[in-house]
Amino acid sequence: MKLFQLHESVTLNHHQRYILLQVKLAATPTLAFDQTSRSEADVRSREMLAVLGLIRRSEATNEVQLTSDGEQALINYGLIDEHGEVTEVAQELLDSHQS
């Protein structure tokens, strides 16, 4: 049984969704780590996503990668479509963190 299946009833908060999306959009796993290390809230969200099995992180190499469960969570939340493209909902989430 996958870890994500154990946590299907868990609802990701706004910031956790944003961090998951940042991992997806980062050009490299190292950039994903950097982009999810900017604040204490970022790090806490990243750690919870790792506990849930939605991302894999390596402190030794400072890398973060999306898992297949993380990819499915992005689809389930309407942040990416079935082709992996960012949706309007995702763009609104990204824009809300720019202001």
N, C-alpha and C. Protein backbone atom coordinates (compact mmCIF):
# COMPACT_ATOMS: atom_id res chain seq x y z
N MET A 1 0.84 -1.17 0.00
CA MET A 1 0.00 0.00 0.00
C MET A 1 0.89 1.24 0.00
N LYS A 2 0.59 2.18 -0.87
CA LYS A 2 1.37 3.40 -0.96
C LYS A 2 1.08 4.30 0.23
N LEU A 3 2.07 5.07 0.63
CA LEU A 3 1.91 6.00 1.74
C LEU A 3 0.79 6.99 1.47
N PHE A 4 0.69 7.48 0.23
CA PHE A 4 -0.34 8.45 -0.10
C PHE A 4 -1.74 7.87 0.14
N GLN A 5 -1.91 6.60 -0.13
CA GLN A 5 -3.20 5.97 0.10
C GLN A 5 -3.56 5.98 1.58
N LEU A 6 -2.56 5.95 2.44
CA LEU A 6 -2.82 6.01 3.86
C LEU A 6 -3.29 7.39 4.30
N HIS A 7 -3.00 8.39 3.48
CA HIS A 7 -3.27 9.76 3.85
C HIS A 7 -4.25 10.45 2.91
N GLU A 8 -5.08 9.70 2.20
CA GLU A 8 -6.00 10.30 1.26
C GLU A 8 -6.95 11.29 1.93
N SER A 9 -7.23 11.09 3.22
CA SER A 9 -8.15 11.99 3.90
C SER A 9 -7.46 13.29 4.34
N VAL A 10 -6.13 13.35 4.20
CA VAL A 10 -5.39 14.57 4.55
C VAL A 10 -5.61 15.60 3.45
N THR A 11 -5.93 16.81 3.86
CA THR A 11 -6.09 17.91 2.92
C THR A 11 -4.88 18.82 3.03
N LEU A 12 -4.22 19.05 1.91
CA LEU A 12 -3.08 19.95 1.92
C LEU A 12 -3.57 21.39 2.06
N ASN A 13 -2.85 22.16 2.86
CA ASN A 13 -3.23 23.57 2.98
C ASN A 13 -2.69 24.35 1.79
N HIS A 14 -3.06 25.61 1.73
CA HIS A 14 -2.70 26.49 0.62
C HIS A 14 -1.18 26.51 0.41
N HIS A 15 -0.43 26.67 1.48
CA HIS A 15 1.02 26.77 1.36
C HIS A 15 1.64 25.44 0.93
N GLN A 16 1.14 24.34 1.43
CA GLN A 16 1.65 23.03 1.03
C GLN A 16 1.41 22.79 -0.46
N ARG A 17 0.26 23.21 -0.96
CA ARG A 17 -0.01 23.09 -2.40
C ARG A 17 0.97 23.93 -3.20
N TYR A 18 1.23 25.13 -2.70
CA TYR A 18 2.18 26.02 -3.37
C TYR A 18 3.57 25.39 -3.42
N ILE A 19 4.03 24.83 -2.31
CA ILE A 19 5.35 24.21 -2.26
C ILE A 19 5.41 22.99 -3.18
N LEU A 20 4.36 22.19 -3.20
CA LEU A 20 4.30 21.04 -4.10
C LEU A 20 4.41 21.50 -5.56
N LEU A 21 3.71 22.57 -5.88
CA LEU A 21 3.77 23.12 -7.23
C LEU A 21 5.16 23.67 -7.54
N GLN A 22 5.80 24.31 -6.57
CA GLN A 22 7.16 24.82 -6.76
C GLN A 22 8.13 23.68 -7.09
N VAL A 23 7.97 22.56 -6.43
CA VAL A 23 8.83 21.40 -6.71
C VAL A 23 8.61 20.94 -8.14
N LYS A 24 7.37 20.87 -8.56
CA LYS A 24 7.03 20.45 -9.93
C LYS A 24 7.65 21.38 -10.97
N LEU A 25 7.60 22.68 -10.71
CA LEU A 25 8.02 23.66 -11.71
C LEU A 25 9.51 23.95 -11.72
N ALA A 26 10.22 23.56 -10.69
CA ALA A 26 11.65 23.83 -10.62
C ALA A 26 12.40 23.11 -11.74
N ALA A 27 13.37 23.79 -12.30
CA ALA A 27 14.14 23.23 -13.43
C ALA A 27 15.00 22.05 -13.01
N THR A 28 15.45 22.04 -11.76
CA THR A 28 16.29 20.94 -11.27
C THR A 28 15.90 20.61 -9.82
N PRO A 29 16.25 19.43 -9.35
CA PRO A 29 15.99 19.10 -7.94
C PRO A 29 16.71 20.04 -6.96
N THR A 30 17.87 20.54 -7.34
CA THR A 30 18.60 21.48 -6.48
C THR A 30 17.86 22.81 -6.40
N LEU A 31 17.36 23.29 -7.53
CA LEU A 31 16.56 24.52 -7.52
C LEU A 31 15.27 24.33 -6.72
N ALA A 32 14.69 23.14 -6.82
CA ALA A 32 13.48 22.86 -6.03
C ALA A 32 13.79 22.96 -4.55
N PHE A 33 14.94 22.45 -4.13
CA PHE A 33 15.34 22.56 -2.72
C PHE A 33 15.49 24.02 -2.34
N ASP A 34 16.20 24.78 -3.16
CA ASP A 34 16.42 26.20 -2.87
C ASP A 34 15.10 26.97 -2.78
N GLN A 35 14.20 26.70 -3.72
CA GLN A 35 12.93 27.43 -3.77
C GLN A 35 11.99 27.05 -2.64
N THR A 36 12.24 25.92 -2.01
CA THR A 36 11.39 25.49 -0.90
C THR A 36 12.09 25.62 0.44
N SER A 37 13.15 26.44 0.45
CA SER A 37 13.92 26.67 1.68
C SER A 37 13.95 28.15 2.06
N ARG A 38 13.10 28.94 1.48
CA ARG A 38 13.17 30.39 1.66
C ARG A 38 12.63 30.89 2.99
N SER A 39 11.79 30.12 3.62
CA SER A 39 11.22 30.55 4.90
C SER A 39 10.97 29.32 5.77
N GLU A 40 10.71 29.58 7.02
CA GLU A 40 10.39 28.48 7.94
C GLU A 40 9.11 27.77 7.50
N ALA A 41 8.15 28.54 7.02
CA ALA A 41 6.89 27.95 6.55
C ALA A 41 7.13 27.05 5.34
N ASP A 42 8.04 27.47 4.46
CA ASP A 42 8.39 26.65 3.29
C ASP A 42 8.97 25.31 3.75
N VAL A 43 9.92 25.38 4.67
CA VAL A 43 10.59 24.17 5.14
C VAL A 43 9.61 23.24 5.85
N ARG A 44 8.75 23.81 6.69
CA ARG A 44 7.75 22.98 7.39
C ARG A 44 6.82 22.30 6.39
N SER A 45 6.38 23.04 5.38
CA SER A 45 5.51 22.46 4.36
C SER A 45 6.24 21.38 3.58
N ARG A 46 7.48 21.64 3.23
CA ARG A 46 8.27 20.65 2.49
C ARG A 46 8.45 19.38 3.31
N GLU A 47 8.71 19.52 4.60
CA GLU A 47 8.89 18.35 5.45
C GLU A 47 7.60 17.53 5.56
N MET A 48 6.47 18.19 5.67
CA MET A 48 5.20 17.46 5.73
C MET A 48 4.92 16.74 4.42
N LEU A 49 5.21 17.38 3.30
CA LEU A 49 5.03 16.73 2.00
C LEU A 49 5.91 15.49 1.88
N ALA A 50 7.10 15.55 2.46
CA ALA A 50 7.99 14.39 2.44
C ALA A 50 7.42 13.27 3.31
N VAL A 51 6.91 13.62 4.48
CA VAL A 51 6.29 12.63 5.37
C VAL A 51 5.13 11.93 4.67
N LEU A 52 4.36 12.69 3.92
CA LEU A 52 3.21 12.14 3.20
C LEU A 52 3.61 11.35 1.96
N GLY A 53 4.89 11.40 1.59
CA GLY A 53 5.36 10.66 0.42
C GLY A 53 5.09 11.37 -0.89
N LEU A 54 4.81 12.66 -0.85
CA LEU A 54 4.50 13.40 -2.07
C LEU A 54 5.75 13.97 -2.72
N ILE A 55 6.82 14.09 -1.95
CA ILE A 55 8.12 14.48 -2.47
C ILE A 55 9.19 13.61 -1.81
N ARG A 56 10.34 13.54 -2.47
CA ARG A 56 11.53 12.92 -1.90
C ARG A 56 12.55 14.03 -1.73
N ARG A 57 13.20 14.07 -0.57
CA ARG A 57 14.21 15.09 -0.36
C ARG A 57 15.48 14.45 0.13
N SER A 58 16.57 15.09 -0.23
CA SER A 58 17.88 14.65 0.23
C SER A 58 18.60 15.86 0.81
N GLU A 59 18.75 15.85 2.11
CA GLU A 59 19.50 16.92 2.77
C GLU A 59 20.98 16.82 2.38
N ALA A 60 21.47 15.62 2.14
CA ALA A 60 22.88 15.42 1.81
C ALA A 60 23.25 16.11 0.49
N THR A 61 22.33 16.07 -0.47
CA THR A 61 22.61 16.68 -1.78
C THR A 61 21.78 17.93 -2.03
N ASN A 62 20.99 18.34 -1.04
CA ASN A 62 20.12 19.53 -1.19
C ASN A 62 19.25 19.43 -2.44
N GLU A 63 18.55 18.32 -2.56
CA GLU A 63 17.66 18.09 -3.69
C GLU A 63 16.27 17.69 -3.21
N VAL A 64 15.26 18.11 -3.97
CA VAL A 64 13.87 17.73 -3.72
C VAL A 64 13.26 17.32 -5.05
N GLN A 65 12.55 16.19 -5.05
CA GLN A 65 11.89 15.71 -6.27
C GLN A 65 10.46 15.30 -5.96
N LEU A 66 9.61 15.49 -6.93
CA LEU A 66 8.22 15.08 -6.85
C LEU A 66 8.14 13.56 -7.01
N THR A 67 7.29 12.91 -6.24
CA THR A 67 7.02 11.48 -6.43
C THR A 67 5.81 11.33 -7.34
N SER A 68 5.51 10.12 -7.74
CA SER A 68 4.31 9.89 -8.56
C SER A 68 3.06 10.24 -7.76
N ASP A 69 3.09 10.01 -6.45
CA ASP A 69 1.95 10.40 -5.61
C ASP A 69 1.81 11.93 -5.56
N GLY A 70 2.94 12.62 -5.54
CA GLY A 70 2.91 14.08 -5.57
C GLY A 70 2.33 14.60 -6.87
N GLU A 71 2.72 13.97 -7.96
CA GLU A 71 2.18 14.33 -9.27
C GLU A 71 0.66 14.11 -9.28
N GLN A 72 0.22 12.99 -8.73
CA GLN A 72 -1.22 12.71 -8.68
C GLN A 72 -1.94 13.71 -7.79
N ALA A 73 -1.33 14.12 -6.70
CA ALA A 73 -1.94 15.13 -5.82
C ALA A 73 -2.12 16.44 -6.57
N LEU A 74 -1.13 16.83 -7.39
CA LEU A 74 -1.26 18.06 -8.18
C LEU A 74 -2.43 17.96 -9.15
N ILE A 75 -2.62 16.79 -9.73
CA ILE A 75 -3.76 16.58 -10.63
C ILE A 75 -5.06 16.63 -9.83
N ASN A 76 -5.09 15.94 -8.69
CA ASN A 76 -6.30 15.90 -7.87
C ASN A 76 -6.73 17.29 -7.40
N TYR A 77 -5.75 18.16 -7.11
CA TYR A 77 -6.06 19.52 -6.67
C TYR A 77 -6.29 20.47 -7.84
N GLY A 78 -6.20 19.95 -9.07
CA GLY A 78 -6.46 20.78 -10.24
C GLY A 78 -5.34 21.76 -10.55
N LEU A 79 -4.13 21.46 -10.09
CA LEU A 79 -3.00 22.36 -10.30
C LEU A 79 -2.26 22.07 -11.60
N ILE A 80 -2.32 20.83 -12.04
CA ILE A 80 -1.82 20.46 -13.36
C ILE A 80 -2.87 19.59 -14.03
N ASP A 81 -2.82 19.57 -15.35
CA ASP A 81 -3.76 18.71 -16.07
C ASP A 81 -3.11 17.35 -16.31
N GLU A 82 -3.81 16.49 -17.02
CA GLU A 82 -3.32 15.12 -17.23
C GLU A 82 -2.05 15.07 -18.08
N HIS A 83 -1.71 16.20 -18.73
CA HIS A 83 -0.49 16.27 -19.53
C HIS A 83 0.66 16.92 -18.76
N GLY A 84 0.41 17.27 -17.50
CA GLY A 84 1.44 17.89 -16.67
C GLY A 84 1.54 19.39 -16.83
N GLU A 85 0.60 19.98 -17.55
CA GLU A 85 0.62 21.42 -17.77
C GLU A 85 -0.06 22.15 -16.62
N VAL A 86 0.48 23.32 -16.28
CA VAL A 86 -0.07 24.15 -15.21
C VAL A 86 -1.46 24.64 -15.61
N THR A 87 -2.38 24.58 -14.66
CA THR A 87 -3.75 25.03 -14.91
C THR A 87 -3.93 26.48 -14.46
N GLU A 88 -5.10 27.03 -14.75
CA GLU A 88 -5.44 28.38 -14.31
C GLU A 88 -5.44 28.46 -12.77
N VAL A 89 -5.93 27.40 -12.14
CA VAL A 89 -5.94 27.34 -10.67
C VAL A 89 -4.51 27.46 -10.14
N ALA A 90 -3.58 26.76 -10.77
CA ALA A 90 -2.18 26.81 -10.35
C ALA A 90 -1.60 28.20 -10.55
N GLN A 91 -1.95 28.82 -11.68
CA GLN A 91 -1.44 30.17 -11.95
C GLN A 91 -1.95 31.15 -10.91
N GLU A 92 -3.19 31.00 -10.51
CA GLU A 92 -3.74 31.86 -9.46
C GLU A 92 -3.00 31.64 -8.13
N LEU A 93 -2.68 30.40 -7.82
CA LEU A 93 -1.92 30.09 -6.61
C LEU A 93 -0.54 30.73 -6.67
N LEU A 94 0.13 30.60 -7.80
CA LEU A 94 1.45 31.21 -7.96
C LEU A 94 1.37 32.73 -7.84
N ASP A 95 0.37 33.32 -8.48
CA ASP A 95 0.20 34.78 -8.43
C ASP A 95 -0.07 35.25 -7.01
N SER A 96 -0.81 34.47 -6.23
CA SER A 96 -1.13 34.87 -4.87
C SER A 96 0.10 34.92 -3.98
N HIS A 97 1.15 34.22 -4.34
CA HIS A 97 2.39 34.22 -3.57
C HIS A 97 3.38 35.27 -4.08
N GLN A 98 3.06 35.89 -5.20
CA GLN A 98 3.93 36.94 -5.75
C GLN A 98 3.61 38.29 -5.12
N SER A 99 2.40 38.44 -4.59
CA SER A 99 2.01 39.74 -4.05
C SER A 99 2.24 39.85 -2.58
